[in-house]
Amino acid sequence: MKITLENKVMNIEKGTYLQDVLDDVQRKDVYAYTCNGKLYSLLHPLVEGSIHLIKKNSNIGKQIYDRTLNFLFIAAVHRLYPKAHVHVEHALSNGVFCEIEQVNFLTPKDVENIEKEMKSMVLEKLPIKKIKVQTNDAVSYFLKNGMENKANVLKYRMKKESSIYELDGMKDYFYGIMLPNTSYLTSFKLRYYAPGIWLSSQNKFVNQMKLFEVFQSFEEWGRQIGVSNIAQLNQNIVNGKMDELVLMSETMAEKQLEDIASDIINEHPNTKFIMISGPSSAGKTTFSKRLAIHLRIHGKEPITISMDDFYINRENCHLLPDGNYDFDSIDAVDLPLFNETLLKLSCGEEVKMPRYNFKTGKREWKDRTLKMYENQIMIIEGIHGLNPISSAYMPEKIKYRIYINALTHLNFDDHNHFPTSDYRLLRRIIRDSQFRGWSAADTIKFWGNVRDAEDKYIYPYQEEANAIFNSSMIYELAVLKPLVKPLLEAITPEQGEYLEANRLCKLLDYIVDGTTKAIPRTSILSEFIGNSIFDL
């Protein structure tokens, strides 16, 4: 059969693998390939058509590496502690936080032993086998081996066959393809992080204790209400408890809001400025308006401004490599003007306020003045709100910083966590479609730039926050699925965004559809799905 590889037409025998036609340098750099819009692992023979290589430094390549690394970690733990059970819980410092059941008093020495075993397994070049089985047989296997959550998720997958992977005698199910053997996993680091382990493909660890505590808090809450993973979410919806899930989740959001408002009033009584920051589609707009209502209950008169109004004129902004203006850079904000304005307001002066015109790309000065009185408190939303230099003129005692993100505690099962960035991307696809007229392909196309800006300007400062608000809803994926899936399915295999759209569709296939009837108009989710009371 014929294939086209890097503009070169080749005649090959059926059953030939990609590694057989690559040179030694390419073999180390390639993790998968695509053909006719479909992603294939290196374990799959080449198919006829135009072959596109998936390099290790690409987003897909990194996902494949991290997924395989998780499997190596689980297999190494199983080799050392056959009765132990691994939980891959949530993201932490460019890695994941994991816990191990049935290992008494996990110690740093245990972590060293696991890392040593993983390195040994890499040198052994152990094969990772992909085995196709009947889904019913996979469910039976996982139930028999104490992996109930994995089995219960597969029950809702409407496919007769499923692919399971085997490494060192251990069989497991993952939501994506794997590398062919352990020798590819040359870069990783483990670290003892009580009560568990930090695992990452990178060596640099940044302690994110505040974020960690929020994740742990919601993990515990999920266990208390019986919704710790997607299998349990599905079961609750099937049992007719969708409305109850909505009420519990919205009440938890209300509790978080009141806790923050009470902390501001009682523990930080000198606060004049509340700085709110978070990544795209975290729900900052609705959160700001709902927080304002809670502060009013406490006798405050909140006023809201946006850091966006302090942008410099568009022609003065730096350009990104793709030629677009870099509005996310802190250099795009007139920091001296912003700081001087807040300083004058804090001293009781009346000041002229700018308004940024996004159509003309220029800052405008109209008849808009502002003055703060004794019982007033200002809520300021902007991606640089947590960066200390953005409000360097003001003393710390009059500032209160809040970080907001959709920090989901829901994972597919004990070994497969659901990335919070996927939550936000699904939200944004729906919102962009409803309110901007964008296609899902448009949103996915620019998502990489959005994520890069978050890595530079938001995440490094999240631990500066006085409070962290988790905007994820336990029922959310069940509501987003029927809204977003048709938008994703409209992307064709010829489009560059197809692979990402297809990946998201496959993840959503494991989730039971939910209903929107119980979602209040004040919900953060209504900001994305429509009908928010704050849009009036």
Protein backbone atom coordinates (compact mmCIF):
# COMPACT_ATOMS: atom_id res chain seq x y z
CA MET A 1 0.00 0.00 0.00
CA LYS A 2 1.02 3.67 -0.39
CA ILE A 3 1.56 6.26 2.33
CA THR A 4 2.73 9.85 2.19
CA LEU A 5 5.17 10.73 4.95
CA GLU A 6 6.64 14.25 5.14
CA ASN A 7 5.80 14.88 1.46
CA LYS A 8 7.43 11.62 0.40
CA VAL A 9 5.34 8.86 -1.19
CA MET A 10 6.32 5.39 0.04
CA ASN A 11 5.25 1.87 -0.90
CA ILE A 12 5.06 -0.34 2.17
CA GLU A 13 3.74 -3.76 3.13
CA LYS A 14 0.51 -3.96 5.09
CA GLY A 15 1.25 -4.51 8.77
CA THR A 16 4.25 -2.15 8.73
CA TYR A 17 4.62 0.04 11.82
CA LEU A 18 5.62 3.70 11.83
CA GLN A 19 8.81 2.95 13.75
CA ASP A 20 9.91 0.68 10.88
CA VAL A 21 10.06 3.62 8.44
CA LEU A 22 11.58 6.25 10.75
CA ASP A 23 15.26 6.86 11.35
CA ASP A 24 16.83 6.67 14.82
CA VAL A 25 16.43 10.40 15.53
CA GLN A 26 12.77 10.44 14.51
CA ARG A 27 11.94 7.38 16.61
CA LYS A 28 12.91 9.22 19.79
CA ASP A 29 10.86 12.28 18.84
CA VAL A 30 7.60 10.73 17.58
CA TYR A 31 4.87 9.47 19.93
CA ALA A 32 1.95 8.82 17.56
CA TYR A 33 0.62 9.63 14.10
CA THR A 34 -2.56 10.79 12.39
CA CYS A 35 -4.09 9.72 9.12
CA ASN A 36 -7.40 10.83 7.60
CA GLY A 37 -8.18 12.82 10.73
CA LYS A 38 -7.73 9.91 13.14
CA LEU A 39 -5.09 9.53 15.84
CA TYR A 40 -3.14 6.26 15.97
CA SER A 41 -0.67 4.96 18.53
CA LEU A 42 2.71 3.54 17.61
CA LEU A 43 1.20 0.17 18.50
CA HIS A 44 -1.11 0.43 15.47
CA PRO A 45 0.13 -0.61 11.99
CA LEU A 46 0.29 2.16 9.40
CA VAL A 47 -2.85 2.84 7.39
CA GLU A 48 -3.00 4.01 3.81
CA GLY A 49 -3.02 7.77 3.30
CA SER A 50 -1.14 10.89 4.34
CA ILE A 51 0.73 10.34 7.62
CA HIS A 52 1.29 13.24 10.02
CA LEU A 53 3.70 12.76 12.90
CA ILE A 54 2.78 13.61 16.50
CA LYS A 55 5.96 14.91 18.14
CA LYS A 56 6.72 14.57 21.82
CA ASN A 57 6.68 18.33 22.45
CA SER A 58 3.18 18.80 20.98
CA ASN A 59 0.15 19.04 23.27
CA ILE A 60 -1.02 15.59 22.17
CA GLY A 61 2.47 14.21 22.65
CA LYS A 62 2.60 15.54 26.21
CA GLN A 63 -0.80 14.02 26.98
CA ILE A 64 0.39 10.62 25.70
CA TYR A 65 3.58 10.84 27.76
CA ASP A 66 1.82 11.83 30.99
CA ARG A 67 -0.82 9.13 30.55
CA THR A 68 1.85 6.47 30.04
CA LEU A 69 3.84 7.83 32.99
CA ASN A 70 0.79 7.43 35.22
CA PHE A 71 0.52 3.80 34.12
CA LEU A 72 4.19 3.21 34.90
CA PHE A 73 3.69 4.70 38.37
CA ILE A 74 0.63 2.53 39.05
CA ALA A 75 2.46 -0.59 37.81
CA ALA A 76 5.54 0.16 39.94
CA VAL A 77 3.40 0.59 43.06
CA HIS A 78 1.64 -2.68 42.24
CA ARG A 79 5.00 -4.43 41.85
CA LEU A 80 6.22 -3.20 45.25
CA TYR A 81 2.92 -3.33 47.14
CA PRO A 82 0.62 -5.88 45.41
CA LYS A 83 -2.33 -5.13 47.73
CA ALA A 84 -2.07 -1.34 47.45
CA HIS A 85 -4.53 0.77 45.48
CA VAL A 86 -3.46 3.96 43.71
CA HIS A 87 -5.62 7.09 43.44
CA VAL A 88 -4.53 9.68 40.86
CA GLU A 89 -6.40 12.59 42.40
CA HIS A 90 -5.83 15.99 40.78
CA ALA A 91 -3.38 18.41 39.16
CA LEU A 92 -0.56 19.88 41.26
CA SER A 93 2.43 21.96 40.11
CA ASN A 94 2.62 20.69 36.51
CA GLY A 95 2.02 17.17 37.72
CA VAL A 96 -0.55 15.14 39.61
CA PHE A 97 -1.14 14.39 43.27
CA CYS A 98 -1.60 10.70 44.05
CA GLU A 99 -2.53 8.74 47.16
CA ILE A 100 -1.94 5.06 47.93
CA GLU A 101 -4.37 2.97 49.94
CA GLN A 102 -3.26 0.02 52.05
CA VAL A 103 0.28 1.29 52.51
CA ASN A 104 0.66 2.07 56.21
CA PHE A 105 2.23 5.44 56.95
CA LEU A 106 3.57 6.37 53.54
CA THR A 107 7.06 7.82 54.05
CA PRO A 108 9.63 9.66 51.91
CA LYS A 109 11.57 6.39 51.79
CA ASP A 110 8.57 4.64 50.20
CA VAL A 111 8.48 7.36 47.55
CA GLU A 112 12.19 6.89 46.86
CA ASN A 113 11.62 3.15 46.46
CA ILE A 114 8.76 3.71 44.01
CA GLU A 115 10.81 6.13 41.92
CA LYS A 116 13.73 3.70 41.91
CA GLU A 117 11.41 0.89 40.77
CA MET A 118 10.02 3.07 37.99
CA LYS A 119 13.54 3.81 36.73
CA SER A 120 14.32 0.11 36.81
CA MET A 121 11.18 -0.64 34.76
CA VAL A 122 12.22 1.99 32.21
CA LEU A 123 15.58 0.23 31.76
CA GLU A 124 13.77 -3.09 31.36
CA LYS A 125 12.02 -1.63 28.30
CA LEU A 126 8.79 -3.35 29.29
CA PRO A 127 6.20 -3.58 26.50
CA ILE A 128 2.82 -1.89 26.93
CA LYS A 129 0.26 -4.11 25.22
CA LYS A 130 -3.08 -2.96 23.87
CA ILE A 131 -5.77 -5.64 24.08
CA LYS A 132 -9.24 -5.37 22.53
CA VAL A 133 -11.94 -7.07 24.57
CA GLN A 134 -15.71 -7.09 24.82
CA THR A 135 -16.78 -4.20 27.04
CA ASN A 136 -18.82 -6.58 29.19
CA ASP A 137 -15.70 -8.68 29.76
CA ALA A 138 -13.71 -5.57 30.71
CA VAL A 139 -16.42 -4.60 33.21
CA SER A 140 -16.35 -8.09 34.74
CA TYR A 141 -12.54 -8.03 34.98
CA PHE A 142 -12.42 -4.68 36.74
CA LEU A 143 -15.21 -5.63 39.15
CA LYS A 144 -13.35 -8.83 40.01
CA ASN A 145 -10.13 -6.90 40.66
CA GLY A 146 -11.63 -4.24 42.93
CA MET A 147 -11.81 -1.44 40.33
CA GLU A 148 -15.53 -0.74 40.70
CA ASN A 149 -15.41 2.89 39.58
CA LYS A 150 -13.63 1.93 36.35
CA ALA A 151 -16.15 -0.83 35.71
CA ASN A 152 -19.11 1.44 36.41
CA VAL A 153 -17.90 4.14 33.98
CA LEU A 154 -17.49 1.55 31.22
CA LYS A 155 -21.09 0.43 31.75
CA TYR A 156 -22.25 3.72 30.26
CA ARG A 157 -19.97 3.49 27.21
CA MET A 158 -22.11 2.59 24.23
CA LYS A 159 -19.45 0.48 22.50
CA LYS A 160 -19.32 -3.31 22.31
CA GLU A 161 -15.53 -3.39 22.39
CA SER A 162 -13.03 -1.62 24.62
CA SER A 163 -9.25 -1.43 24.61
CA ILE A 164 -7.37 -2.20 27.81
CA TYR A 165 -3.63 -1.88 28.34
CA GLU A 166 -1.28 -4.29 30.04
CA LEU A 167 2.07 -3.45 31.66
CA ASP A 168 4.13 -5.89 33.73
CA GLY A 169 1.13 -8.16 34.16
CA MET A 170 -1.19 -5.35 35.28
CA LYS A 171 -4.27 -4.53 33.17
CA ASP A 172 -5.90 -1.12 33.22
CA TYR A 173 -8.15 1.19 31.21
CA PHE A 174 -7.14 4.68 30.10
CA TYR A 175 -8.92 7.39 28.14
CA GLY A 176 -6.39 7.73 25.34
CA ILE A 177 -3.47 6.02 23.65
CA MET A 178 -0.16 4.91 25.18
CA LEU A 179 3.49 4.74 24.24
CA PRO A 180 4.65 1.26 23.14
CA ASN A 181 7.07 0.55 25.97
CA THR A 182 8.57 1.99 29.15
CA SER A 183 11.88 3.05 27.58
CA TYR A 184 10.24 6.26 26.31
CA LEU A 185 9.71 7.48 29.89
CA THR A 186 13.12 9.01 30.46
CA SER A 187 11.99 12.11 32.36
CA PHE A 188 9.96 12.08 35.58
CA LYS A 189 10.14 13.02 39.23
CA LEU A 190 8.38 11.86 42.40
CA ARG A 191 8.16 13.81 45.62
CA TYR A 192 6.67 13.02 49.01
CA TYR A 193 3.76 15.39 49.58
CA ALA A 194 1.80 14.38 52.66
CA PRO A 195 -0.43 12.45 52.68
CA GLY A 196 0.60 11.29 49.21
CA ILE A 197 2.94 11.71 46.26
CA TRP A 198 3.56 14.35 43.62
CA LEU A 199 4.26 12.80 40.21
CA SER A 200 5.41 14.83 37.23
CA SER A 201 7.25 14.59 33.93
CA GLN A 202 9.03 17.77 35.01
CA ASN A 203 11.60 18.21 37.73
CA LYS A 204 10.55 21.65 38.98
CA PHE A 205 8.16 21.58 41.93
CA VAL A 206 6.31 24.65 43.19
CA ASN A 207 4.46 24.24 46.46
CA GLN A 208 0.80 25.14 45.90
CA MET A 209 -0.51 24.53 49.38
CA LYS A 210 -3.57 26.80 49.15
CA LEU A 211 -4.69 25.22 45.88
CA PHE A 212 -3.98 21.75 47.28
CA GLU A 213 -6.16 22.42 50.33
CA VAL A 214 -9.09 23.44 48.10
CA PHE A 215 -8.77 20.26 46.05
CA GLN A 216 -8.56 18.15 49.21
CA SER A 217 -11.58 19.90 50.69
CA PHE A 218 -13.71 19.18 47.64
CA GLU A 219 -12.43 15.60 47.41
CA GLU A 220 -13.68 15.08 50.96
CA TRP A 221 -17.00 16.79 50.20
CA GLY A 222 -17.46 14.54 47.17
CA ARG A 223 -16.96 11.47 49.35
CA GLN A 224 -19.45 12.78 51.91
CA ILE A 225 -22.23 13.28 49.35
CA GLY A 226 -21.40 10.13 47.37
CA VAL A 227 -20.25 11.88 44.17
CA SER A 228 -16.49 11.37 44.03
CA ASN A 229 -16.20 10.38 40.37
CA ILE A 230 -18.06 10.31 37.08
CA ALA A 231 -19.37 6.80 37.69
CA GLN A 232 -21.17 8.05 40.81
CA LEU A 233 -22.36 11.17 38.96
CA ASN A 234 -23.89 8.96 36.28
CA GLN A 235 -25.57 6.73 38.84
CA ASN A 236 -27.12 9.70 40.63
CA ILE A 237 -28.54 11.06 37.38
CA VAL A 238 -29.89 7.65 36.33
CA ASN A 239 -31.53 7.38 39.78
CA GLY A 240 -33.37 10.67 39.22
CA LYS A 241 -31.24 12.82 41.53
CA MET A 242 -30.20 15.50 39.01
CA ASP A 243 -32.14 18.26 40.76
CA GLU A 244 -30.63 17.27 44.10
CA LEU A 245 -27.13 17.47 42.62
CA VAL A 246 -27.84 20.97 41.32
CA LEU A 247 -29.17 22.15 44.68
CA MET A 248 -26.21 20.72 46.61
CA SER A 249 -23.66 22.17 44.22
CA GLU A 250 -25.26 25.62 44.11
CA THR A 251 -25.55 25.66 47.91
CA MET A 252 -21.86 24.83 48.17
CA ALA A 253 -21.07 27.76 45.86
CA GLU A 254 -23.22 30.01 48.06
CA LYS A 255 -21.40 28.79 51.15
CA GLN A 256 -18.03 29.58 49.58
CA LEU A 257 -19.23 33.09 48.69
CA GLU A 258 -20.46 33.77 52.21
CA ASP A 259 -17.25 32.42 53.74
CA ILE A 260 -15.22 34.81 51.60
CA ALA A 261 -17.48 37.78 52.30
CA SER A 262 -17.37 37.08 56.05
CA ASP A 263 -13.58 36.76 55.95
CA ILE A 264 -13.30 40.15 54.24
CA ILE A 265 -15.61 41.87 56.71
CA ASN A 266 -14.44 40.21 59.93
CA GLU A 267 -10.78 39.34 59.37
CA HIS A 268 -9.77 42.04 56.87
CA PRO A 269 -11.86 45.06 57.94
CA ASN A 270 -9.52 47.58 56.27
CA THR A 271 -10.12 46.14 52.81
CA LYS A 272 -10.89 48.76 50.16
CA PHE A 273 -9.97 46.80 47.03
CA ILE A 274 -10.86 43.21 46.18
CA MET A 275 -8.65 41.93 43.36
CA ILE A 276 -10.17 38.99 41.45
CA SER A 277 -8.25 36.86 38.97
CA GLY A 278 -8.53 33.48 37.34
CA PRO A 279 -8.15 31.75 33.96
CA SER A 280 -10.52 31.98 31.04
CA SER A 281 -14.06 30.69 31.62
CA ALA A 282 -13.55 30.27 35.36
CA GLY A 283 -16.71 32.33 35.96
CA LYS A 284 -15.15 35.60 37.15
CA THR A 285 -18.00 37.83 35.94
CA THR A 286 -20.83 36.03 37.73
CA PHE A 287 -18.66 35.44 40.79
CA SER A 288 -17.91 39.18 41.09
CA LYS A 289 -21.60 40.08 40.92
CA ARG A 290 -22.64 37.42 43.41
CA LEU A 291 -19.86 38.43 45.82
CA ALA A 292 -21.12 42.02 45.60
CA ILE A 293 -24.55 40.85 46.79
CA HIS A 294 -23.02 39.06 49.79
CA LEU A 295 -21.04 42.18 50.70
CA ARG A 296 -24.21 44.27 50.54
CA ILE A 297 -25.78 41.91 53.07
CA HIS A 298 -22.88 42.84 55.36
CA GLY A 299 -23.58 46.55 54.92
CA LYS A 300 -21.00 47.36 52.27
CA GLU A 301 -21.64 49.21 49.02
CA PRO A 302 -19.53 47.44 46.39
CA ILE A 303 -18.54 49.13 43.15
CA THR A 304 -16.97 47.22 40.27
CA ILE A 305 -14.30 48.16 37.75
CA SER A 306 -12.25 46.18 35.25
CA MET A 307 -8.49 46.32 34.74
CA ASP A 308 -9.26 46.05 31.03
CA ASP A 309 -10.21 49.74 31.02
CA PHE A 310 -6.58 50.54 31.79
CA TYR A 311 -5.21 48.92 28.64
CA ILE A 312 -2.74 50.98 26.66
CA ASN A 313 -3.78 51.86 23.10
CA ARG A 314 -3.74 48.88 20.78
CA GLU A 315 -0.98 50.17 18.49
CA ASN A 316 1.37 50.31 21.49
CA CYS A 317 0.82 46.64 22.45
CA HIS A 318 3.42 43.99 21.82
CA LEU A 319 2.69 41.43 19.11
CA LEU A 320 2.50 37.67 19.54
CA PRO A 321 4.43 35.40 17.14
CA ASP A 322 1.20 34.86 15.16
CA GLY A 323 0.82 38.62 14.64
CA ASN A 324 -2.05 39.19 17.10
CA TYR A 325 -1.82 41.82 19.81
CA ASP A 326 -0.74 40.48 23.19
CA PHE A 327 -3.51 41.88 25.39
CA ASP A 328 -2.76 39.29 28.07
CA SER A 329 0.70 40.67 28.85
CA ILE A 330 0.98 42.79 31.97
CA ASP A 331 2.75 45.32 29.74
CA ALA A 332 -0.58 45.87 27.98
CA VAL A 333 -1.90 47.50 31.18
CA ASP A 334 -1.00 51.09 32.07
CA LEU A 335 0.16 50.15 35.56
CA PRO A 336 1.22 53.67 36.67
CA LEU A 337 -2.23 55.02 35.76
CA PHE A 338 -3.98 52.06 37.38
CA ASN A 339 -2.00 52.40 40.62
CA GLU A 340 -2.37 56.19 40.78
CA THR A 341 -6.13 55.88 40.24
CA LEU A 342 -6.55 53.33 43.05
CA LEU A 343 -4.31 55.33 45.38
CA LYS A 344 -6.36 58.49 44.87
CA LEU A 345 -9.61 56.56 45.35
CA SER A 346 -8.29 55.05 48.59
CA CYS A 347 -7.62 58.58 49.87
CA GLY A 348 -11.18 59.71 49.12
CA GLU A 349 -10.38 61.73 46.00
CA GLU A 350 -12.70 61.95 43.03
CA VAL A 351 -10.99 60.69 39.88
CA LYS A 352 -11.74 60.46 36.19
CA MET A 353 -12.12 56.87 35.05
CA PRO A 354 -11.05 55.62 31.61
CA ARG A 355 -13.06 53.29 29.41
CA TYR A 356 -11.31 51.07 26.88
CA ASN A 357 -13.01 50.90 23.49
CA PHE A 358 -12.31 47.42 22.11
CA LYS A 359 -13.64 48.39 18.68
CA THR A 360 -11.24 51.29 18.18
CA GLY A 361 -8.49 49.85 20.34
CA LYS A 362 -8.13 53.10 22.25
CA ARG A 363 -8.66 54.32 25.79
CA GLU A 364 -11.44 56.91 26.06
CA TRP A 365 -12.06 59.63 28.64
CA LYS A 366 -15.70 60.61 28.97
CA ASP A 367 -17.74 62.15 31.75
CA ARG A 368 -17.12 59.25 34.08
CA THR A 369 -15.87 60.03 37.57
CA LEU A 370 -15.65 57.94 40.69
CA LYS A 371 -15.25 58.57 44.37
CA MET A 372 -15.17 56.03 47.20
CA TYR A 373 -17.04 56.68 50.44
CA GLU A 374 -16.57 55.14 53.87
CA ASN A 375 -18.75 52.06 53.45
CA GLN A 376 -17.76 51.36 49.87
CA ILE A 377 -15.50 48.58 48.69
CA MET A 378 -14.19 48.17 45.15
CA ILE A 379 -14.22 44.87 43.27
CA ILE A 380 -11.59 44.77 40.51
CA GLU A 381 -11.57 42.00 37.94
CA GLY A 382 -8.52 41.35 35.78
CA ILE A 383 -6.11 38.56 34.92
CA HIS A 384 -3.24 40.40 36.65
CA GLY A 385 -5.11 41.00 39.89
CA LEU A 386 -2.93 38.61 41.90
CA ASN A 387 0.38 39.91 40.57
CA PRO A 388 1.90 42.05 43.34
CA ILE A 389 3.24 44.66 40.92
CA SER A 390 -0.23 45.35 39.52
CA SER A 391 -1.22 47.14 42.76
CA ALA A 392 2.20 47.96 44.19
CA TYR A 393 1.25 51.52 45.25
CA MET A 394 -1.38 50.33 47.74
CA PRO A 395 -0.58 48.98 51.21
CA GLU A 396 -1.35 45.28 51.63
CA LYS A 397 -3.86 45.84 54.44
CA ILE A 398 -6.37 47.49 52.09
CA LYS A 399 -6.18 44.72 49.45
CA TYR A 400 -7.86 41.32 49.39
CA ARG A 401 -6.99 38.92 46.57
CA ILE A 402 -9.27 36.15 45.28
CA TYR A 403 -8.34 33.40 42.83
CA ILE A 404 -11.17 31.64 40.99
CA ASN A 405 -10.97 28.48 38.90
CA ALA A 406 -13.06 25.43 38.02
CA LEU A 407 -11.18 22.96 40.24
CA THR A 408 -13.12 19.78 39.66
CA HIS A 409 -12.75 16.91 42.12
CA LEU A 410 -14.60 14.57 39.73
CA ASN A 411 -12.37 12.04 38.00
CA PHE A 412 -13.32 9.27 35.61
CA ASP A 413 -12.00 6.67 38.01
CA ASP A 414 -9.16 6.16 40.46
CA HIS A 415 -6.47 6.26 37.75
CA ASN A 416 -7.78 8.89 35.30
CA HIS A 417 -8.32 12.47 36.42
CA PHE A 418 -10.42 14.96 34.45
CA PRO A 419 -8.32 18.07 33.66
CA THR A 420 -9.79 21.35 34.88
CA SER A 421 -8.70 22.97 31.60
CA ASP A 422 -11.13 20.68 29.74
CA TYR A 423 -13.96 21.94 31.96
CA ARG A 424 -13.14 25.50 31.02
CA LEU A 425 -12.72 24.75 27.32
CA LEU A 426 -16.15 23.11 27.16
CA ARG A 427 -17.66 26.12 28.93
CA ARG A 428 -15.96 28.53 26.55
CA ILE A 429 -17.00 26.65 23.40
CA ILE A 430 -20.65 26.95 24.45
CA ARG A 431 -20.37 30.61 25.48
CA ASP A 432 -18.47 31.61 22.33
CA SER A 433 -21.11 29.90 20.22
CA GLN A 434 -24.04 31.57 21.98
CA PHE A 435 -22.70 35.07 22.54
CA ARG A 436 -19.90 35.59 19.97
CA GLY A 437 -21.06 33.53 17.02
CA TRP A 438 -17.82 31.54 17.07
CA SER A 439 -17.60 27.94 15.94
CA ALA A 440 -16.07 25.31 18.20
CA ALA A 441 -13.12 25.21 15.79
CA ASP A 442 -12.54 28.96 16.32
CA THR A 443 -12.45 28.54 20.10
CA ILE A 444 -10.15 25.52 19.98
CA LYS A 445 -7.85 27.30 17.53
CA PHE A 446 -7.15 30.14 19.95
CA TRP A 447 -7.20 28.02 23.10
CA GLY A 448 -3.46 27.41 22.93
CA ASN A 449 -2.71 31.15 23.13
CA VAL A 450 -5.16 31.45 26.03
CA ARG A 451 -3.45 28.64 27.94
CA ASP A 452 0.01 30.10 27.29
CA ALA A 453 -1.09 33.44 28.76
CA GLU A 454 -2.53 31.71 31.82
CA ASP A 455 0.75 29.90 32.41
CA LYS A 456 2.65 33.19 32.23
CA TYR A 457 0.38 35.66 33.97
CA ILE A 458 -2.09 33.85 36.23
CA TYR A 459 -0.89 30.52 37.62
CA PRO A 460 2.44 31.81 39.01
CA TYR A 461 0.49 34.11 41.35
CA GLN A 462 -2.44 31.94 42.46
CA GLU A 463 -0.84 31.27 45.85
CA GLU A 464 -0.85 35.06 46.48
CA ALA A 465 -4.61 34.85 46.99
CA ASN A 466 -6.27 35.40 50.37
CA ALA A 467 -9.06 33.09 49.22
CA ILE A 468 -9.62 30.56 46.43
CA PHE A 469 -13.10 30.04 44.99
CA ASN A 470 -13.90 26.77 43.22
CA SER A 471 -16.44 27.46 40.46
CA SER A 472 -16.87 23.87 39.25
CA MET A 473 -20.26 22.21 39.71
CA ILE A 474 -20.62 18.49 40.40
CA TYR A 475 -23.46 18.25 37.87
CA GLU A 476 -21.75 20.41 35.24
CA LEU A 477 -20.45 17.88 32.71
CA ALA A 478 -23.87 16.27 32.43
CA VAL A 479 -25.33 19.65 31.46
CA LEU A 480 -22.51 20.74 29.16
CA LYS A 481 -22.44 17.46 27.21
CA PRO A 482 -25.70 17.78 25.18
CA LEU A 483 -24.96 21.45 24.50
CA VAL A 484 -21.35 21.17 23.42
CA LYS A 485 -21.22 17.82 21.65
CA PRO A 486 -23.12 18.96 18.50
CA LEU A 487 -20.74 21.92 18.26
CA LEU A 488 -17.73 19.61 18.47
CA GLU A 489 -19.20 17.13 16.01
CA ALA A 490 -19.57 19.92 13.44
CA ILE A 491 -15.77 19.98 13.09
CA THR A 492 -14.70 17.84 10.14
CA PRO A 493 -11.62 15.59 9.85
CA GLU A 494 -10.10 18.05 7.36
CA GLN A 495 -9.92 20.79 10.01
CA GLY A 496 -6.87 21.18 12.21
CA GLU A 497 -9.03 21.25 15.34
CA TYR A 498 -10.63 17.87 14.65
CA LEU A 499 -8.33 15.79 16.85
CA GLU A 500 -9.02 17.93 19.92
CA ALA A 501 -12.75 17.97 19.20
CA ASN A 502 -12.76 14.19 18.78
CA ARG A 503 -10.83 13.73 22.04
CA LEU A 504 -13.39 15.82 23.92
CA CYS A 505 -16.30 13.97 22.31
CA LYS A 506 -14.85 10.64 23.40
CA LEU A 507 -14.52 11.87 26.99
CA LEU A 508 -18.12 13.10 26.98
CA ASP A 509 -19.33 9.69 25.77
CA TYR A 510 -18.79 8.32 29.28
CA ILE A 511 -21.17 10.85 30.85
CA VAL A 512 -24.94 10.55 31.15
CA ASP A 513 -26.95 13.54 29.89
CA GLY A 514 -28.40 15.82 32.54
CA THR A 515 -31.15 18.44 32.52
CA THR A 516 -31.02 22.20 33.07
CA LYS A 517 -34.44 22.73 34.65
CA ALA A 518 -33.17 23.12 38.24
CA ILE A 519 -30.22 25.41 37.44
CA PRO A 520 -30.90 28.85 38.94
CA ARG A 521 -30.38 31.97 36.84
CA THR A 522 -27.83 33.12 39.41
CA SER A 523 -25.62 30.08 38.77
CA ILE A 524 -22.08 30.57 37.50
CA LEU A 525 -22.90 27.93 34.90
CA SER A 526 -25.68 30.17 33.52
CA GLU A 527 -22.94 32.59 32.45
CA PHE A 528 -21.96 29.98 29.86
CA ILE A 529 -25.15 28.14 28.95
CA GLY A 530 -27.33 31.27 28.90
CA ASN A 531 -30.28 32.67 30.88
CA SER A 532 -28.08 34.32 33.54
CA ILE A 533 -29.88 36.96 35.56
CA PHE A 534 -26.71 39.05 35.44
CA ASP A 535 -26.97 39.44 31.65
CA LEU A 536 -29.90 41.81 32.10
